[in-house]
Amino acid sequence: MIGQIRREEQWKKWPVGTMIATKPISNENLNRHQEGSYSSQRMAGIGIVVFPGSNCDRDVHYILNNVLKIQADLVWHTDSNLGTYDSVIIPGGFAYGDRLRAGVIAAHTPVAIELKKMAKDGRTILGICNGFQILVECGLLPGALIMNNSLSFVCRWTTIQVDNNNTPFTSLFKRNQTFKIPIAHGEGRYVADGRLLKSILKNNQVVFRYFKDDPNGSVDNIAAVCNEEGNVMGIMPHPERAPVNRTFDEASMIFRCLSTYLRHK
């Protein structure tokens, strides 16, 4: 808790919109937007929301900016400029230490109101692992995420299959395409009752399924779902952790799809 408080205090000292690389902070590693731009226009970029306890924020920031060359900023969850971004990513981690249950406290902070507004406006929101849990707790995605059926934290590689390639996050994939991707979660078991599951399937809201694997006991092997409109998606595996090379480049294509969508919308 002390570390989280110190981190929040440190964030508040940094200028709004500061981009932070994985290297130690220096003048060379800071990239600031022009002062005053927030109030006058929407940013043509991606905001990565950071909560106390987030621990995959820099991974997402690094792969977007340094590897894929996609403009993205780290945004502390209390910053008022979140709504100025074209798209938002909620990274993995343990927001507020997963107290009560994963994602529930973050879902009751003021940023949740802004996320709901953005979703209603049609802007894209991607939740990864803990971000998926937060979006479910916000009511932006259907179903629930509970403890793995093994009652153990699972950290390894898995294979997932594309079930819906008609979203901003999957448009470059082929339907039924499979690829390897890392997982790391303790509460990743996706559940939905019979009536809700029937509605999710009817509306084509299952985006990815685990392929020939069952890491957590999720109903119907669901690894990712979207809202009915398709602009909000939650995924339990970690695309930002997959090496971007000839072998594992497919996982990062989720981010490429999002970037392509933002450029052409």
Protein backbone atom coordinates (compact mmCIF):
# COMPACT_ATOMS: atom_id res chain seq x y z
CA MET A 1 0.00 0.00 0.00
CA ILE A 2 2.85 2.41 0.84
CA GLY A 3 4.43 1.71 -2.53
CA GLN A 4 1.14 2.42 -4.29
CA ILE A 5 0.76 5.74 -2.46
CA ARG A 6 4.31 6.76 -3.34
CA ARG A 7 3.74 5.82 -6.96
CA GLU A 8 0.58 7.93 -7.09
CA GLU A 9 2.42 10.88 -5.56
CA GLN A 10 5.18 10.45 -8.14
CA TRP A 11 2.67 10.35 -10.99
CA LYS A 12 1.05 13.59 -9.80
CA LYS A 13 4.40 15.36 -10.12
CA TRP A 14 4.69 14.44 -13.80
CA PRO A 15 3.00 16.60 -16.47
CA VAL A 16 -0.35 15.42 -17.74
CA GLY A 17 0.12 13.36 -20.91
CA THR A 18 3.72 12.46 -20.11
CA MET A 19 4.92 9.40 -22.03
CA ILE A 20 7.24 7.18 -20.04
CA ALA A 21 9.61 4.62 -21.51
CA THR A 22 10.77 1.52 -19.69
CA LYS A 23 14.20 3.12 -19.15
CA PRO A 24 14.85 5.41 -16.15
CA ILE A 25 13.16 8.80 -16.51
CA SER A 26 15.29 11.47 -18.17
CA ASN A 27 14.72 14.43 -20.44
CA GLU A 28 15.41 12.20 -23.44
CA ASN A 29 12.68 9.77 -22.37
CA LEU A 30 9.92 12.33 -21.92
CA ASN A 31 7.55 13.18 -24.75
CA ARG A 32 5.00 15.88 -23.97
CA HIS A 33 2.02 17.07 -25.94
CA GLN A 34 1.70 20.79 -26.51
CA GLU A 35 0.42 22.53 -23.40
CA GLY A 36 -3.26 23.45 -23.58
CA SER A 37 -4.09 20.91 -26.32
CA TYR A 38 -6.34 18.88 -24.02
CA SER A 39 -9.10 21.44 -23.68
CA SER A 40 -9.24 22.38 -27.35
CA GLN A 41 -9.21 19.10 -29.24
CA ARG A 42 -9.33 15.33 -28.96
CA MET A 43 -5.99 13.56 -29.03
CA ALA A 44 -5.40 11.32 -32.01
CA GLY A 45 -3.87 8.60 -29.90
CA ILE A 46 -4.38 5.93 -27.29
CA GLY A 47 -4.58 6.51 -23.56
CA ILE A 48 -3.33 3.72 -21.27
CA VAL A 49 -5.17 4.02 -17.96
CA VAL A 50 -3.01 3.42 -14.88
CA PHE A 51 -4.52 2.51 -11.51
CA PRO A 52 -2.75 1.90 -8.19
CA GLY A 53 -1.64 -1.69 -8.62
CA SER A 54 -1.44 -1.75 -12.44
CA ASN A 55 1.70 -3.62 -13.50
CA CYS A 56 1.39 -4.15 -17.27
CA ASP A 57 0.99 -0.49 -18.19
CA ARG A 58 4.60 -0.02 -19.27
CA ASP A 59 4.55 -3.27 -21.24
CA VAL A 60 1.61 -1.96 -23.28
CA HIS A 61 3.21 1.47 -23.60
CA TYR A 62 6.51 -0.02 -24.79
CA ILE A 63 5.09 -2.33 -27.44
CA LEU A 64 2.81 0.39 -28.82
CA ASN A 65 5.33 3.24 -28.97
CA ASN A 66 8.69 1.51 -29.35
CA VAL A 67 7.84 -1.61 -31.32
CA LEU A 68 4.68 -0.90 -33.29
CA LYS A 69 5.23 2.90 -33.50
CA ILE A 70 1.66 3.63 -32.37
CA GLN A 71 1.17 6.86 -30.40
CA ALA A 72 0.14 6.07 -26.82
CA ASP A 73 0.34 7.85 -23.45
CA LEU A 74 0.23 6.63 -19.87
CA VAL A 75 -2.69 8.35 -18.14
CA TRP A 76 -3.16 8.28 -14.36
CA HIS A 77 -6.74 7.24 -13.60
CA THR A 78 -7.65 10.57 -11.95
CA ASP A 79 -6.51 12.71 -14.89
CA SER A 80 -9.40 14.64 -16.39
CA ASN A 81 -8.06 14.44 -19.97
CA LEU A 82 -8.86 10.74 -20.51
CA GLY A 83 -11.93 11.59 -22.57
CA THR A 84 -9.79 13.46 -25.10
CA TYR A 85 -8.29 10.24 -26.48
CA ASP A 86 -9.62 8.35 -29.47
CA SER A 87 -9.12 5.03 -27.72
CA VAL A 88 -8.33 3.67 -24.26
CA ILE A 89 -6.52 0.55 -23.08
CA ILE A 90 -6.89 -0.71 -19.51
CA PRO A 91 -3.84 -2.89 -18.84
CA GLY A 92 -3.35 -5.90 -16.60
CA GLY A 93 -2.26 -5.92 -12.99
CA PHE A 94 -3.99 -5.85 -9.64
CA ALA A 95 -5.91 -2.54 -9.46
CA TYR A 96 -6.31 -1.57 -5.81
CA GLY A 97 -4.71 -4.89 -4.87
CA ASP A 98 -7.76 -6.82 -6.11
CA ARG A 99 -9.43 -6.01 -2.78
CA LEU A 100 -13.00 -7.30 -2.44
CA ARG A 101 -12.66 -8.89 -5.89
CA ALA A 102 -10.68 -8.20 -9.02
CA GLY A 103 -11.65 -4.92 -10.71
CA VAL A 104 -14.56 -3.97 -8.49
CA ILE A 105 -12.98 -0.96 -6.73
CA ALA A 106 -11.63 0.48 -9.98
CA ALA A 107 -15.12 0.10 -11.46
CA HIS A 108 -16.48 2.43 -8.79
CA THR A 109 -13.99 5.25 -9.31
CA PRO A 110 -14.80 8.41 -11.33
CA VAL A 111 -12.86 7.09 -14.35
CA ALA A 112 -15.57 4.45 -14.81
CA ILE A 113 -18.05 7.21 -15.61
CA GLU A 114 -15.73 8.54 -18.31
CA LEU A 115 -15.23 5.06 -19.74
CA LYS A 116 -18.99 4.59 -20.02
CA LYS A 117 -19.30 7.93 -21.85
CA MET A 118 -16.54 6.98 -24.26
CA ALA A 119 -18.12 3.61 -24.95
CA LYS A 120 -21.48 5.26 -25.61
CA ASP A 121 -19.77 7.69 -28.00
CA GLY A 122 -18.45 4.73 -29.99
CA ARG A 123 -14.81 5.11 -29.04
CA THR A 124 -12.78 1.94 -28.64
CA ILE A 125 -11.85 0.48 -25.26
CA LEU A 126 -9.62 -2.56 -24.78
CA GLY A 127 -9.29 -4.25 -21.40
CA ILE A 128 -6.48 -6.77 -20.90
CA CYS A 129 -6.67 -9.28 -18.03
CA ASN A 130 -7.35 -7.00 -15.02
CA GLY A 131 -8.66 -4.48 -17.54
CA PHE A 132 -11.15 -7.13 -18.69
CA GLN A 133 -12.23 -7.62 -15.08
CA ILE A 134 -12.69 -3.86 -14.65
CA LEU A 135 -14.83 -3.57 -17.81
CA VAL A 136 -17.04 -6.43 -16.62
CA GLU A 137 -17.44 -4.82 -13.20
CA CYS A 138 -18.28 -1.50 -14.91
CA GLY A 139 -21.12 -3.20 -16.76
CA LEU A 140 -19.53 -2.44 -20.13
CA LEU A 141 -19.12 -6.15 -20.89
CA PRO A 142 -21.43 -9.06 -20.07
CA GLY A 143 -20.73 -11.96 -17.74
CA ALA A 144 -18.35 -12.26 -14.80
CA LEU A 145 -14.77 -13.34 -14.11
CA ILE A 146 -14.13 -15.55 -11.10
CA MET A 147 -11.38 -17.70 -9.58
CA ASN A 148 -9.80 -20.24 -11.91
CA ASN A 149 -11.29 -23.69 -11.50
CA SER A 150 -7.84 -24.92 -10.40
CA LEU A 151 -7.89 -22.33 -7.57
CA SER A 152 -4.33 -21.49 -8.66
CA PHE A 153 -2.67 -18.63 -10.47
CA VAL A 154 -1.92 -19.71 -14.05
CA CYS A 155 1.12 -18.28 -15.88
CA ARG A 156 2.08 -19.92 -19.17
CA TRP A 157 1.44 -19.91 -22.90
CA THR A 158 -1.86 -20.93 -24.46
CA THR A 159 -3.44 -20.94 -27.91
CA ILE A 160 -6.55 -18.97 -28.81
CA GLN A 161 -8.80 -18.98 -31.85
CA VAL A 162 -10.44 -16.02 -33.59
CA ASP A 163 -14.21 -16.35 -33.36
CA ASN A 164 -15.19 -12.84 -34.51
CA ASN A 165 -12.95 -10.93 -36.93
CA ASN A 166 -15.46 -8.13 -37.45
CA THR A 167 -14.34 -5.85 -34.61
CA PRO A 168 -11.83 -2.96 -34.41
CA PHE A 169 -9.51 -5.35 -32.56
CA THR A 170 -9.63 -8.31 -34.98
CA SER A 171 -10.19 -6.97 -38.50
CA LEU A 172 -6.78 -8.15 -39.79
CA PHE A 173 -7.26 -11.72 -38.58
CA LYS A 174 -8.90 -14.57 -40.45
CA ARG A 175 -11.85 -16.25 -38.78
CA ASN A 176 -10.81 -19.43 -36.96
CA GLN A 177 -7.16 -18.36 -37.10
CA THR A 178 -5.18 -19.67 -34.11
CA PHE A 179 -2.08 -18.28 -32.44
CA LYS A 180 -0.04 -18.56 -29.25
CA ILE A 181 -0.33 -15.94 -26.51
CA PRO A 182 0.75 -15.67 -22.84
CA ILE A 183 -1.69 -15.88 -19.93
CA ALA A 184 -1.17 -14.84 -16.29
CA HIS A 185 -4.23 -14.72 -14.05
CA GLY A 186 -5.86 -16.09 -10.93
CA GLU A 187 -9.40 -14.90 -11.58
CA GLY A 188 -9.74 -15.51 -15.31
CA ARG A 189 -12.62 -17.96 -15.41
CA TYR A 190 -15.32 -16.38 -17.58
CA VAL A 191 -18.86 -17.31 -16.53
CA ALA A 192 -22.35 -16.49 -17.79
CA ASP A 193 -25.67 -18.17 -17.08
CA GLY A 194 -27.53 -20.03 -19.83
CA ARG A 195 -29.73 -17.12 -20.89
CA LEU A 196 -26.86 -14.62 -21.02
CA LEU A 197 -24.58 -17.05 -22.85
CA LYS A 198 -27.27 -17.64 -25.45
CA SER A 199 -27.56 -13.87 -25.98
CA ILE A 200 -23.76 -13.46 -26.23
CA LEU A 201 -23.54 -16.19 -28.85
CA LYS A 202 -26.50 -14.83 -30.80
CA ASN A 203 -24.98 -11.35 -30.94
CA ASN A 204 -21.55 -12.69 -31.98
CA GLN A 205 -19.89 -11.22 -28.89
CA VAL A 206 -17.36 -14.01 -28.38
CA VAL A 207 -14.17 -12.68 -29.96
CA PHE A 208 -11.55 -15.28 -28.97
CA ARG A 209 -11.78 -18.80 -27.55
CA TYR A 210 -9.12 -20.99 -25.99
CA PHE A 211 -8.11 -23.58 -28.57
CA LYS A 212 -7.53 -27.16 -27.43
CA ASP A 213 -6.79 -25.82 -23.96
CA ASP A 214 -8.72 -25.07 -20.78
CA PRO A 215 -6.52 -22.92 -18.51
CA ASN A 216 -9.24 -21.68 -16.15
CA GLY A 217 -12.59 -23.39 -16.73
CA SER A 218 -14.22 -20.57 -18.72
CA VAL A 219 -17.66 -21.36 -20.09
CA ASP A 220 -17.55 -22.31 -23.78
CA ASN A 221 -13.74 -21.77 -23.67
CA ILE A 222 -14.27 -18.00 -23.90
CA ALA A 223 -11.05 -15.95 -23.77
CA ALA A 224 -12.42 -12.59 -24.96
CA VAL A 225 -15.79 -10.90 -25.43
CA CYS A 226 -17.01 -7.59 -26.79
CA ASN A 227 -20.11 -5.48 -26.25
CA GLU A 228 -22.98 -5.66 -28.74
CA GLU A 229 -21.62 -2.67 -30.66
CA GLY A 230 -18.14 -4.21 -30.90
CA ASN A 231 -16.20 -1.12 -29.75
CA VAL A 232 -15.40 -2.48 -26.26
CA MET A 233 -13.44 -5.71 -25.85
CA GLY A 234 -12.02 -7.56 -22.87
CA ILE A 235 -9.38 -10.26 -23.30
CA MET A 236 -7.87 -12.40 -20.54
CA PRO A 237 -4.57 -13.34 -22.30
CA HIS A 238 -1.76 -10.76 -22.63
CA PRO A 239 -1.00 -9.68 -26.23
CA GLU A 240 1.55 -7.14 -24.96
CA ARG A 241 3.70 -9.91 -23.50
CA ALA A 242 4.13 -11.86 -26.72
CA PRO A 243 7.49 -11.27 -28.44
CA VAL A 244 7.06 -9.40 -31.70
CA ASN A 245 9.00 -11.60 -34.09
CA ARG A 246 8.34 -14.07 -36.85
CA THR A 247 7.10 -16.71 -34.43
CA PHE A 248 4.76 -14.78 -32.14
CA ASP A 249 3.81 -11.70 -34.14
CA GLU A 250 0.12 -12.64 -34.35
CA ALA A 251 -0.73 -11.68 -30.76
CA SER A 252 0.48 -8.10 -31.33
CA MET A 253 -1.83 -7.91 -34.35
CA ILE A 254 -4.63 -7.06 -31.89
CA PHE A 255 -2.90 -3.69 -31.45
CA ARG A 256 -2.27 -3.35 -35.19
CA CYS A 257 -5.97 -3.91 -35.83
CA LEU A 258 -6.84 -1.15 -33.36
CA SER A 259 -4.32 1.23 -34.93
CA THR A 260 -5.65 0.50 -38.45
CA TYR A 261 -9.20 1.13 -37.27
CA LEU A 262 -8.27 4.47 -35.69
CA ARG A 263 -6.47 5.63 -38.83
CA HIS A 264 -9.35 4.84 -41.18
CA LYS A 265 -12.46 5.55 -39.16
